[in-house]
C-alpha atoms as a PDB file:
ATOM      1  CA  MET A   1     134.442 -11.732 126.205  1.00  0.00           C
ATOM      2  CA  SER A   2     135.072  -8.863 127.671  1.00  0.00           C
ATOM      3  CA  SER A   3     132.050  -6.075 127.956  1.00  0.00           C
ATOM      4  CA  THR A   4     134.699  -3.449 127.660  1.00  0.00           C
ATOM      5  CA  GLU A   5     133.670  -0.619 125.190  1.00  0.00           C
ATOM      6  CA  TYR A   6     135.934  -0.812 122.191  1.00  0.00           C
ATOM      7  CA  ASP A   7     136.874   1.800 119.801  1.00  0.00           C
ATOM      8  CA  VAL A   8     136.600  -0.548 116.943  1.00  0.00           C
ATOM      9  CA  ILE A   9     135.168  -4.162 116.489  1.00  0.00           C
ATOM     10  CA  ILE A  10     135.921  -6.020 113.423  1.00  0.00           C
ATOM     11  CA  VAL A  11     133.774  -8.745 112.483  1.00  0.00           C
ATOM     12  CA  GLY A  12     135.565 -11.392 110.319  1.00  0.00           C
ATOM     13  CA  GLY A  13     139.207 -12.600 110.424  1.00  0.00           C
ATOM     14  CA  GLY A  14     140.067 -13.145 106.756  1.00  0.00           C
ATOM     15  CA  PRO A  15     142.858 -11.195 105.096  1.00  0.00           C
ATOM     16  CA  ALA A  16     140.775  -7.899 105.119  1.00  0.00           C
ATOM     17  CA  GLY A  17     139.618  -8.057 108.807  1.00  0.00           C
ATOM     18  CA  MET A  18     143.306  -8.678 109.995  1.00  0.00           C
ATOM     19  CA  THR A  19     145.137  -6.324 108.240  1.00  0.00           C
ATOM     20  CA  ALA A  20     142.100  -4.087 109.721  1.00  0.00           C
ATOM     21  CA  GLY A  21     143.187  -5.327 113.048  1.00  0.00           C
ATOM     22  CA  LEU A  22     146.995  -4.373 112.367  1.00  0.00           C
ATOM     23  CA  TYR A  23     146.414  -0.761 111.401  1.00  0.00           C
ATOM     24  CA  ALA A  24     143.942  -0.141 113.857  1.00  0.00           C
ATOM     25  CA  SER A  25     145.764  -1.696 116.623  1.00  0.00           C
ATOM     26  CA  ARG A  26     148.822  -0.079 115.349  1.00  0.00           C
ATOM     27  CA  ALA A  27     146.979   3.493 115.672  1.00  0.00           C
ATOM     28  CA  ARG A  28     146.334   2.730 119.262  1.00  0.00           C
ATOM     29  CA  LEU A  29     142.891   2.034 119.204  1.00  0.00           C
ATOM     30  CA  LYS A  30     141.181  -0.643 121.557  1.00  0.00           C
ATOM     31  CA  THR A  31     140.396  -2.856 118.850  1.00  0.00           C
ATOM     32  CA  LEU A  32     138.661  -6.470 119.099  1.00  0.00           C
ATOM     33  CA  LEU A  33     138.522  -8.861 115.981  1.00  0.00           C
ATOM     34  CA  LEU A  34     135.514 -11.635 115.927  1.00  0.00           C
ATOM     35  CA  GLU A  35     135.984 -14.485 113.989  1.00  0.00           C
ATOM     36  CA  LYS A  36     133.295 -17.571 114.225  1.00  0.00           C
ATOM     37  CA  MET A  37     135.399 -20.245 112.948  1.00  0.00           C
ATOM     38  CA  ILE A  38     139.101 -20.071 112.466  1.00  0.00           C
ATOM     39  CA  MET A  39     141.470 -17.355 111.363  1.00  0.00           C
ATOM     40  CA  GLY A  40     142.271 -16.773 107.637  1.00  0.00           C
ATOM     41  CA  GLY A  41     138.825 -16.935 105.729  1.00  0.00           C
ATOM     42  CA  GLN A  42     138.939 -18.841 102.262  1.00  0.00           C
ATOM     43  CA  MET A  43     142.720 -18.475 102.203  1.00  0.00           C
ATOM     44  CA  MET A  44     142.760 -21.599 104.230  1.00  0.00           C
ATOM     45  CA  THR A  45     141.405 -23.642 101.788  1.00  0.00           C
ATOM     46  CA  THR A  46     143.695 -22.225  99.076  1.00  0.00           C
ATOM     47  CA  THR A  47     146.292 -24.635  98.012  1.00  0.00           C
ATOM     48  CA  LEU A  48     148.671 -21.840  96.757  1.00  0.00           C
ATOM     49  CA  VAL A  49     148.893 -17.942  96.320  1.00  0.00           C
ATOM     50  CA  GLU A  50     151.014 -17.267  92.896  1.00  0.00           C
ATOM     51  CA  ASN A  51     149.894 -13.334  93.146  1.00  0.00           C
ATOM     52  CA  TRP A  52     151.085 -11.959  96.436  1.00  0.00           C
ATOM     53  CA  PRO A  53     153.762  -9.946  96.030  1.00  0.00           C
ATOM     54  CA  GLY A  54     157.207 -10.914  97.701  1.00  0.00           C
ATOM     55  CA  TYR A  55     156.726 -14.685  96.934  1.00  0.00           C
ATOM     56  CA  PRO A  56     158.195 -15.863  93.846  1.00  0.00           C
ATOM     57  CA  GLY A  57     156.645 -19.352  93.217  1.00  0.00           C
ATOM     58  CA  GLY A  58     153.938 -18.715  95.652  1.00  0.00           C
ATOM     59  CA  ILE A  59     152.889 -19.360  99.251  1.00  0.00           C
ATOM     60  CA  GLY A  60     150.530 -21.845 100.728  1.00  0.00           C
ATOM     61  CA  GLY A  61     147.451 -19.770 101.403  1.00  0.00           C
ATOM     62  CA  PRO A  62     147.330 -21.480 105.153  1.00  0.00           C
ATOM     63  CA  GLU A  63     151.131 -20.363 105.569  1.00  0.00           C
ATOM     64  CA  LEU A  64     150.325 -16.705 104.554  1.00  0.00           C
ATOM     65  CA  MET A  65     147.161 -16.519 106.506  1.00  0.00           C
ATOM     66  CA  ALA A  66     149.132 -17.741 109.600  1.00  0.00           C
ATOM     67  CA  ARG A  67     152.054 -14.970 109.262  1.00  0.00           C
ATOM     68  CA  PHE A  68     149.430 -12.575 109.003  1.00  0.00           C
ATOM     69  CA  GLN A  69     147.463 -13.781 112.234  1.00  0.00           C
ATOM     70  CA  GLU A  70     151.032 -13.711 113.805  1.00  0.00           C
ATOM     71  CA  HIS A  71     151.940  -9.850 112.748  1.00  0.00           C
ATOM     72  CA  CYS A  72     148.122  -8.667 113.432  1.00  0.00           C
ATOM     73  CA  VAL A  73     148.558  -9.098 117.107  1.00  0.00           C
ATOM     74  CA  GLU A  74     151.686  -8.095 117.634  1.00  0.00           C
ATOM     75  CA  PHE A  75     150.553  -4.232 118.365  1.00  0.00           C
ATOM     76  CA  GLY A  76     147.961  -5.443 121.054  1.00  0.00           C
ATOM     77  CA  LEU A  77     144.979  -6.363 118.942  1.00  0.00           C
ATOM     78  CA  GLU A  78     142.586  -8.706 120.688  1.00  0.00           C
ATOM     79  CA  THR A  79     140.832 -11.538 119.139  1.00  0.00           C
ATOM     80  CA  ASP A  80     138.023 -13.804 119.952  1.00  0.00           C
ATOM     81  CA  SER A  81     135.780 -16.154 118.790  1.00  0.00           C
ATOM     82  CA  GLY A  82     131.953 -15.489 118.308  1.00  0.00           C
ATOM     83  CA  THR A  83     128.967 -15.134 116.144  1.00  0.00           C
ATOM     84  CA  VAL A  84     127.722 -11.709 115.562  1.00  0.00           C
ATOM     85  CA  GLU A  85     124.120 -11.799 115.286  1.00  0.00           C
ATOM     86  CA  LYS A  86     123.119  -8.420 114.627  1.00  0.00           C
ATOM     87  CA  VAL A  87     124.438  -4.764 114.523  1.00  0.00           C
ATOM     88  CA  ILE A  88     122.569  -1.935 116.345  1.00  0.00           C
ATOM     89  CA  ASP A  89     123.144   1.766 115.469  1.00  0.00           C
ATOM     90  CA  ASN A  90     122.922   3.936 118.235  1.00  0.00           C
ATOM     91  CA  GLY A  91     124.499   6.821 116.688  1.00  0.00           C
ATOM     92  CA  ALA A  92     127.837   7.684 118.475  1.00  0.00           C
ATOM     93  CA  THR A  93     127.989   3.841 119.290  1.00  0.00           C
ATOM     94  CA  LYS A  94     127.097   0.434 117.741  1.00  0.00           C
ATOM     95  CA  THR A  95     125.846  -2.530 119.591  1.00  0.00           C
ATOM     96  CA  LEU A  96     126.650  -6.173 118.398  1.00  0.00           C
ATOM     97  CA  ILE A  97     124.822  -8.835 119.308  1.00  0.00           C
ATOM     98  CA  VAL A  98     127.335 -11.795 119.748  1.00  0.00           C
ATOM     99  CA  ASP A  99     126.188 -15.196 120.886  1.00  0.00           C
ATOM    100  CA  GLY A 100     123.107 -13.759 122.613  1.00  0.00           C
ATOM    101  CA  LYS A 101     125.738 -10.748 124.450  1.00  0.00           C
ATOM    102  CA  GLU A 102     126.125  -7.199 123.886  1.00  0.00           C
ATOM    103  CA  ILE A 103     129.333  -5.597 123.123  1.00  0.00           C
ATOM    104  CA  THR A 104     129.648  -2.039 122.018  1.00  0.00           C
ATOM    105  CA  CYS A 105     132.028   0.099 120.132  1.00  0.00           C
ATOM    106  CA  LYS A 106     132.659   3.130 118.175  1.00  0.00           C
ATOM    107  CA  ALA A 107     132.825   1.863 114.964  1.00  0.00           C
ATOM    108  CA  VAL A 108     132.457  -1.198 113.200  1.00  0.00           C
ATOM    109  CA  ILE A 109     134.430  -2.702 110.237  1.00  0.00           C
ATOM    110  CA  ILE A 110     132.226  -5.634 108.489  1.00  0.00           C
ATOM    111  CA  ALA A 111     134.798  -8.037 107.124  1.00  0.00           C
ATOM    112  CA  THR A 112     132.991 -11.264 107.052  1.00  0.00           C
ATOM    113  CA  GLY A 113     133.580 -12.347 103.149  1.00  0.00           C
ATOM    114  CA  ALA A 114     131.848 -14.828 101.097  1.00  0.00           C
ATOM    115  CA  ILE A 115     131.087 -18.521 101.461  1.00  0.00           C
ATOM    116  CA  PRO A 116     130.873 -20.607  98.416  1.00  0.00           C
ATOM    117  CA  ARG A 117     127.587 -20.714  96.397  1.00  0.00           C
ATOM    118  CA  LYS A 118     125.542 -23.965  95.924  1.00  0.00           C
ATOM    119  CA  LEU A 119     124.740 -25.583  92.700  1.00  0.00           C
ATOM    120  CA  GLY A 120     120.495 -25.846  94.001  1.00  0.00           C
ATOM    121  CA  VAL A 121     120.078 -29.167  92.510  1.00  0.00           C
ATOM    122  CA  ALA A 122     118.198 -31.964  93.967  1.00  0.00           C
ATOM    123  CA  GLY A 123     120.517 -34.166  96.259  1.00  0.00           C
ATOM    124  CA  GLU A 124     123.082 -31.868  96.552  1.00  0.00           C
ATOM    125  CA  LYS A 125     122.702 -31.259 100.336  1.00  0.00           C
ATOM    126  CA  GLU A 126     122.394 -34.893 101.391  1.00  0.00           C
ATOM    127  CA  LEU A 127     125.624 -35.638  99.193  1.00  0.00           C
ATOM    128  CA  VAL A 128     127.603 -32.954 100.844  1.00  0.00           C
ATOM    129  CA  GLY A 129     130.592 -35.089 102.444  1.00  0.00           C
ATOM    130  CA  ARG A 130     129.649 -38.146 100.506  1.00  0.00           C
ATOM    131  CA  GLY A 131     131.133 -37.048  97.191  1.00  0.00           C
ATOM    132  CA  VAL A 132     130.112 -33.642  96.907  1.00  0.00           C
ATOM    133  CA  SER A 133     132.515 -30.656  98.326  1.00  0.00           C
ATOM    134  CA  TYR A 134     133.106 -26.968  97.935  1.00  0.00           C
ATOM    135  CA  CYS A 135     136.847 -27.392  98.769  1.00  0.00           C
ATOM    136  CA  ALA A 136     139.689 -29.217  97.085  1.00  0.00           C
ATOM    137  CA  THR A 137     142.113 -28.227  99.304  1.00  0.00           C
ATOM    138  CA  CYS A 138     140.183 -30.321 102.379  1.00  0.00           C
ATOM    139  CA  ASP A 139     138.804 -33.017 100.814  1.00  0.00           C
ATOM    140  CA  GLY A 140     140.998 -33.731  97.143  1.00  0.00           C
ATOM    141  CA  ALA A 141     142.878 -36.300  99.178  1.00  0.00           C
ATOM    142  CA  PHE A 142     140.290 -38.377  99.402  1.00  0.00           C
ATOM    143  CA  PHE A 143     139.415 -39.239  96.081  1.00  0.00           C
ATOM    144  CA  ARG A 144     142.681 -40.710  94.854  1.00  0.00           C
ATOM    145  CA  GLU A 145     142.766 -43.079  91.621  1.00  0.00           C
ATOM    146  CA  VAL A 146     139.221 -42.104  91.163  1.00  0.00           C
ATOM    147  CA  PRO A 147     137.132 -39.738  88.321  1.00  0.00           C
ATOM    148  CA  ILE A 148     135.740 -36.738  89.758  1.00  0.00           C
ATOM    149  CA  ALA A 149     134.040 -33.238  88.447  1.00  0.00           C
ATOM    150  CA  VAL A 150     135.094 -29.582  88.891  1.00  0.00           C
ATOM    151  CA  ILE A 151     131.952 -27.307  88.593  1.00  0.00           C
ATOM    152  CA  GLY A 152     132.730 -23.835  87.091  1.00  0.00           C
ATOM    153  CA  GLY A 153     134.741 -21.833  84.888  1.00  0.00           C
ATOM    154  CA  GLY A 154     136.749 -18.816  86.757  1.00  0.00           C
ATOM    155  CA  ASP A 155     140.273 -19.331  88.411  1.00  0.00           C
ATOM    156  CA  THR A 156     138.949 -21.167  91.655  1.00  0.00           C
ATOM    157  CA  ALA A 157     137.380 -23.712  89.482  1.00  0.00           C
ATOM    158  CA  ALA A 158     140.463 -24.089  86.899  1.00  0.00           C
ATOM    159  CA  GLU A 159     142.993 -24.131  90.457  1.00  0.00           C
ATOM    160  CA  GLU A 160     140.708 -26.540  91.772  1.00  0.00           C
ATOM    161  CA  ALA A 161     140.837 -29.133  88.552  1.00  0.00           C
ATOM    162  CA  LEU A 162     144.920 -28.582  88.308  1.00  0.00           C
ATOM    163  CA  PHE A 163     144.981 -29.432  92.132  1.00  0.00           C
ATOM    164  CA  LEU A 164     143.171 -32.766  92.087  1.00  0.00           C
ATOM    165  CA  THR A 165     145.238 -33.862  89.148  1.00  0.00           C
ATOM    166  CA  ARG A 166     147.090 -34.887  91.784  1.00  0.00           C
ATOM    167  CA  PHE A 167     145.124 -37.339  93.319  1.00  0.00           C
ATOM    168  CA  ALA A 168     141.967 -38.358  90.629  1.00  0.00           C
ATOM    169  CA  SER A 169     142.448 -40.615  87.600  1.00  0.00           C
ATOM    170  CA  LYS A 170     140.380 -37.990  85.409  1.00  0.00           C
ATOM    171  CA  VAL A 171     138.983 -34.490  86.012  1.00  0.00           C
ATOM    172  CA  TYR A 172     135.910 -33.183  84.308  1.00  0.00           C
ATOM    173  CA  LEU A 173     136.162 -29.414  84.219  1.00  0.00           C
ATOM    174  CA  VAL A 174     132.092 -28.683  83.366  1.00  0.00           C
ATOM    175  CA  HIS A 175     131.129 -24.938  82.637  1.00  0.00           C
ATOM    176  CA  ARG A 176     128.191 -23.438  81.575  1.00  0.00           C
ATOM    177  CA  ARG A 177     129.550 -21.538  78.543  1.00  0.00           C
ATOM    178  CA  ASP A 178     132.069 -22.345  75.937  1.00  0.00           C
ATOM    179  CA  GLN A 179     134.769 -20.282  77.133  1.00  0.00           C
ATOM    180  CA  LEU A 180     136.727 -20.436  80.656  1.00  0.00           C
ATOM    181  CA  ARG A 181     136.549 -17.178  82.686  1.00  0.00           C
ATOM    182  CA  ALA A 182     140.039 -17.870  84.461  1.00  0.00           C
ATOM    183  CA  THR A 183     143.043 -16.024  83.606  1.00  0.00           C
ATOM    184  CA  GLN A 184     144.599 -16.951  80.662  1.00  0.00           C
ATOM    185  CA  ILE A 185     147.580 -18.476  82.432  1.00  0.00           C
ATOM    186  CA  LEU A 186     144.984 -20.817  84.148  1.00  0.00           C
ATOM    187  CA  GLN A 187     143.363 -21.897  81.189  1.00  0.00           C
ATOM    188  CA  ASP A 188     146.393 -22.484  79.243  1.00  0.00           C
ATOM    189  CA  ARG A 189     147.659 -24.991  81.884  1.00  0.00           C
ATOM    190  CA  VAL A 190     144.157 -26.847  82.309  1.00  0.00           C
ATOM    191  CA  ILE A 191     144.010 -26.948  78.694  1.00  0.00           C
ATOM    192  CA  ALA A 192     147.459 -28.488  78.228  1.00  0.00           C
ATOM    193  CA  ASN A 193     146.878 -30.965  81.355  1.00  0.00           C
ATOM    194  CA  GLU A 194     146.371 -34.952  80.114  1.00  0.00           C
ATOM    195  CA  LYS A 195     144.023 -35.465  83.134  1.00  0.00           C
ATOM    196  CA  ILE A 196     141.052 -32.704  82.401  1.00  0.00           C
ATOM    197  CA  GLU A 197     138.473 -33.024  80.059  1.00  0.00           C
ATOM    198  CA  ILE A 198     136.657 -29.824  79.684  1.00  0.00           C
ATOM    199  CA  VAL A 199     132.949 -30.483  79.292  1.00  0.00           C
ATOM    200  CA  TRP A 200     131.698 -26.964  77.720  1.00  0.00           C
ATOM    201  CA  ASN A 201     128.155 -25.407  77.713  1.00  0.00           C
ATOM    202  CA  SER A 202     126.594 -27.841  80.144  1.00  0.00           C
ATOM    203  CA  VAL A 203     125.133 -27.838  83.907  1.00  0.00           C
ATOM    204  CA  VAL A 204     124.914 -30.184  86.429  1.00  0.00           C
ATOM    205  CA  GLU A 205     120.828 -31.624  86.082  1.00  0.00           C
ATOM    206  CA  GLY A 206     120.953 -34.486  88.534  1.00  0.00           C
ATOM    207  CA  PHE A 207     123.169 -36.863  90.947  1.00  0.00           C
ATOM    208  CA  GLU A 208     123.287 -40.518  90.945  1.00  0.00           C
ATOM    209  CA  SER A 209     124.141 -41.745  94.065  1.00  0.00           C
ATOM    210  CA  ASP A 210     124.205 -45.307  96.116  1.00  0.00           C
ATOM    211  CA  ASN A 211     124.719 -46.194  99.641  1.00  0.00           C
ATOM    212  CA  SER A 212     128.453 -45.310  99.506  1.00  0.00           C
ATOM    213  CA  GLY A 213     127.709 -42.208  98.031  1.00  0.00           C
ATOM    214  CA  LEU A 214     128.159 -40.057  94.777  1.00  0.00           C
ATOM    215  CA  THR A 215     128.485 -42.586  91.439  1.00  0.00           C
ATOM    216  CA  GLY A 216     127.743 -40.352  88.783  1.00  0.00           C
ATOM    217  CA  ALA A 217     126.007 -36.901  87.328  1.00  0.00           C
ATOM    218  CA  VAL A 218     123.739 -35.990  84.985  1.00  0.00           C
ATOM    219  CA  LEU A 219     124.949 -33.201  82.648  1.00  0.00           C
ATOM    220  CA  LYS A 220     122.660 -31.442  80.438  1.00  0.00           C
ATOM    221  CA  ASN A 221     123.756 -29.514  77.183  1.00  0.00           C
ATOM    222  CA  THR A 222     122.631 -25.544  77.510  1.00  0.00           C
ATOM    223  CA  GLN A 223     122.596 -25.361  73.935  1.00  0.00           C
ATOM    224  CA  SER A 224     120.844 -28.478  72.455  1.00  0.00           C
ATOM    225  CA  GLY A 225     119.340 -29.599  75.530  1.00  0.00           C
ATOM    226  CA  GLU A 226     121.084 -33.292  75.342  1.00  0.00           C
ATOM    227  CA  THR A 227     121.870 -35.191  78.464  1.00  0.00           C
ATOM    228  CA  ARG A 228     124.882 -37.072  79.417  1.00  0.00           C
ATOM    229  CA  LYS A 229     125.862 -38.910  82.447  1.00  0.00           C
ATOM    230  CA  ILE A 230     129.270 -39.185  83.448  1.00  0.00           C
ATOM    231  CA  GLU A 231     130.597 -41.638  86.059  1.00  0.00           C
ATOM    232  CA  ILE A 232     132.329 -39.788  88.802  1.00  0.00           C
ATOM    233  CA  GLN A 233     132.696 -40.353  92.937  1.00  0.00           C
ATOM    234  CA  GLY A 234     133.401 -37.000  93.447  1.00  0.00           C
ATOM    235  CA  MET A 235     132.094 -33.285  92.541  1.00  0.00           C
ATOM    236  CA  PHE A 236     134.014 -29.938  93.712  1.00  0.00           C
ATOM    237  CA  VAL A 237     131.605 -26.899  93.073  1.00  0.00           C
ATOM    238  CA  ALA A 238     133.459 -23.762  92.440  1.00  0.00           C
ATOM    239  CA  VAL A 239     130.628 -21.464  90.616  1.00  0.00           C
ATOM    240  CA  GLY A 240     131.213 -18.196  92.853  1.00  0.00           C
ATOM    241  CA  VAL A 241     130.160 -16.924  96.130  1.00  0.00           C
ATOM    242  CA  THR A 242     127.624 -15.261  98.371  1.00  0.00           C
ATOM    243  CA  PRO A 243     128.277 -12.583 100.727  1.00  0.00           C
ATOM    244  CA  THR A 244     128.143 -13.023 104.434  1.00  0.00           C
ATOM    245  CA  THR A 245     125.737 -10.200 104.853  1.00  0.00           C
ATOM    246  CA  ASP A 246     122.504 -11.543 106.227  1.00  0.00           C
ATOM    247  CA  PHE A 247     123.289 -10.589 110.023  1.00  0.00           C
ATOM    248  CA  ILE A 248     123.320  -6.687 108.826  1.00  0.00           C
ATOM    249  CA  SER A 249     120.603  -6.914 105.860  1.00  0.00           C
ATOM    250  CA  ASP A 250     118.439  -4.443 108.454  1.00  0.00           C
ATOM    251  CA  ILE A 251     121.292  -1.597 109.031  1.00  0.00           C
ATOM    252  CA  VAL A 252     123.079  -1.068 106.217  1.00  0.00           C
ATOM    253  CA  GLU A 253     122.281  -0.868 102.224  1.00  0.00           C
ATOM    254  CA  LEU A 254     122.937  -3.904 100.346  1.00  0.00           C
ATOM    255  CA  THR A 255     122.942  -4.691  96.518  1.00  0.00           C
ATOM    256  CA  GLU A 256     120.509  -7.383  94.965  1.00  0.00           C
ATOM    257  CA  ASP A 257     122.930 -10.069  95.159  1.00  0.00           C
ATOM    258  CA  GLY A 258     123.800  -9.321  98.800  1.00  0.00           C
ATOM    259  CA  TYR A 259     127.406  -7.216  98.692  1.00  0.00           C
ATOM    260  CA  VAL A 260     127.470  -4.092 100.879  1.00  0.00           C
ATOM    261  CA  LYS A 261     127.071  -0.775  99.135  1.00  0.00           C
ATOM    262  CA  ALA A 262     130.128   1.184  99.565  1.00  0.00           C
ATOM    263  CA  GLY A 263     132.991   2.672  97.586  1.00  0.00           C
ATOM    264  CA  GLU A 264     136.460   2.585  97.878  1.00  0.00           C
ATOM    265  CA  ASP A 265     136.784   4.643 100.945  1.00  0.00           C
ATOM    266  CA  THR A 266     135.005   1.684 102.600  1.00  0.00           C
ATOM    267  CA  LYS A 267     132.078   3.757 104.076  1.00  0.00           C
ATOM    268  CA  THR A 268     128.479   2.279 104.378  1.00  0.00           C
ATOM    269  CA  ASN A 269     125.443   4.429 104.387  1.00  0.00           C
ATOM    270  CA  VAL A 270     125.681   3.894 108.228  1.00  0.00           C
ATOM    271  CA  PRO A 271     128.049   6.291 109.687  1.00  0.00           C
ATOM    272  CA  GLY A 272     130.613   4.365 111.773  1.00  0.00           C
ATOM    273  CA  ILE A 273     130.028   1.065 109.831  1.00  0.00           C
ATOM    274  CA  PHE A 274     132.689   0.040 107.447  1.00  0.00           C
ATOM    275  CA  VAL A 275     132.908  -2.708 105.057  1.00  0.00           C
ATOM    276  CA  ALA A 276     136.315  -4.362 103.681  1.00  0.00           C
ATOM    277  CA  GLY A 277     136.973  -7.303 101.703  1.00  0.00           C
ATOM    278  CA  ASP A 278     135.003  -9.849  99.452  1.00  0.00           C
ATOM    279  CA  ASN A 279     131.760  -8.763 101.053  1.00  0.00           C
ATOM    280  CA  ARG A 280     131.436  -5.200  99.395  1.00  0.00           C
ATOM    281  CA  THR A 281     130.830  -4.184  95.955  1.00  0.00           C
ATOM    282  CA  THR A 282     134.476  -4.082  93.936  1.00  0.00           C
ATOM    283  CA  ILE A 283     135.299  -5.039  90.558  1.00  0.00           C
ATOM    284  CA  LEU A 284     137.880  -7.530  91.808  1.00  0.00           C
ATOM    285  CA  ARG A 285     138.238  -9.727  95.172  1.00  0.00           C
ATOM    286  CA  GLN A 286     141.576 -10.907  95.707  1.00  0.00           C
ATOM    287  CA  VAL A 287     143.764 -11.184  98.291  1.00  0.00           C
ATOM    288  CA  SER A 288     145.763  -8.014  97.360  1.00  0.00           C
ATOM    289  CA  THR A 289     142.155  -5.870  97.509  1.00  0.00           C
ATOM    290  CA  ALA A 290     141.034  -7.470 100.441  1.00  0.00           C
ATOM    291  CA  VAL A 291     144.498  -6.201 102.140  1.00  0.00           C
ATOM    292  CA  GLY A 292     143.687  -2.948 101.090  1.00  0.00           C
ATOM    293  CA  ASP A 293     140.235  -2.718 101.962  1.00  0.00           C
ATOM    294  CA  GLY A 294     141.394  -3.600 105.362  1.00  0.00           C
ATOM    295  CA  ALA A 295     143.872  -0.607 105.636  1.00  0.00           C
ATOM    296  CA  VAL A 296     141.437   1.687 104.520  1.00  0.00           C
ATOM    297  CA  ALA A 297     138.710   0.765 106.780  1.00  0.00           C
ATOM    298  CA  ALA A 298     140.884   0.972 109.359  1.00  0.00           C
ATOM    299  CA  LEU A 299     142.029   4.300 108.402  1.00  0.00           C
ATOM    300  CA  MET A 300     138.242   5.661 108.238  1.00  0.00           C
ATOM    301  CA  ALA A 301     137.389   4.220 111.482  1.00  0.00           C
ATOM    302  CA  GLU A 302     140.075   6.015 113.132  1.00  0.00           C
ATOM    303  CA  ARG A 303     139.065   9.254 111.648  1.00  0.00           C
ATOM    304  CA  HIS A 304     135.261   8.248 112.753  1.00  0.00           C
ATOM    305  CA  VAL A 305     136.750   7.602 116.348  1.00  0.00           C
ATOM    306  CA  ASP A 306     138.491  10.907 116.650  1.00  0.00           C
ATOM    307  CA  GLU A 307     135.540  13.133 115.094  1.00  0.00           C
ATOM    308  CA  LEU A 308     133.420  11.651 117.843  1.00  0.00           C
ATOM    309  CA  GLU A 309     136.407  11.976 120.588  1.00  0.00           C
ATOM    310  CA  ASN A 310     136.507  16.021 119.324  1.00  0.00           C
ATOM    311  CA  GLN A 311     132.757  16.183 119.812  1.00  0.00           C
ATOM    312  CA  VAL A 312     132.857  15.682 123.383  1.00  0.00           C
END
């Protein structure tokens, strides 16, 4: 990793981060994008993106992200792998601690997104990889002709339930309320699918397992308090996400839920630090909004760098 000072460092290689990288490098800013895992973020686990303009019939998440990556490096964007442990505000410059090493820049764009939220039920952690999963695209094919459950009621849960019908013999969609939060078109598809049974007003209270892994779950009715056991060999948890902001919690202002407080201009409370994508306060978290955030954040970073240079 270069010790050269950058104009802009982008933390996170999802749609927001890659778009920010495209716009910043195209503006002739010396820009580095850091991603600790694989480029593409959560989109790498999305089977089909149906609401990205220009692709009637949809496009696979990994394919779309591959095109993003190819495009964002076209104008000279540098990319590297590494975990950002801390961001230090020096005023005119910022210092990032990346895998124990320091790297400096004039502006930072935080585009680290969010990670799947856990249920918090005893035994969940021990069963990850042994029946419990947070990614239907990654693990769905392991559950052929066996019953499984999807936990959640939003778009992700509905999409995963529908996807898993390709493999599972039966899919229980367990939701804590009496109405799904998913968009109507997804609700209609779920209800019409004969392989899916919706379990209303229910939450997971416990797991049943043996040496081979998950064998069942205990569900509790949120209204009556009654419990029910279902025999399943797989459980896919889709109950929302947690923003990846712990490494900046001591420098930028966060909400109680851990999202970075920032408006449509992507500015945080610290001059020179911007935020884009699923980890900021927003009413909608989609690829399209992440891309919009990335473009705005790059513009704001460019203006910040210009102001610093004009002060010299």
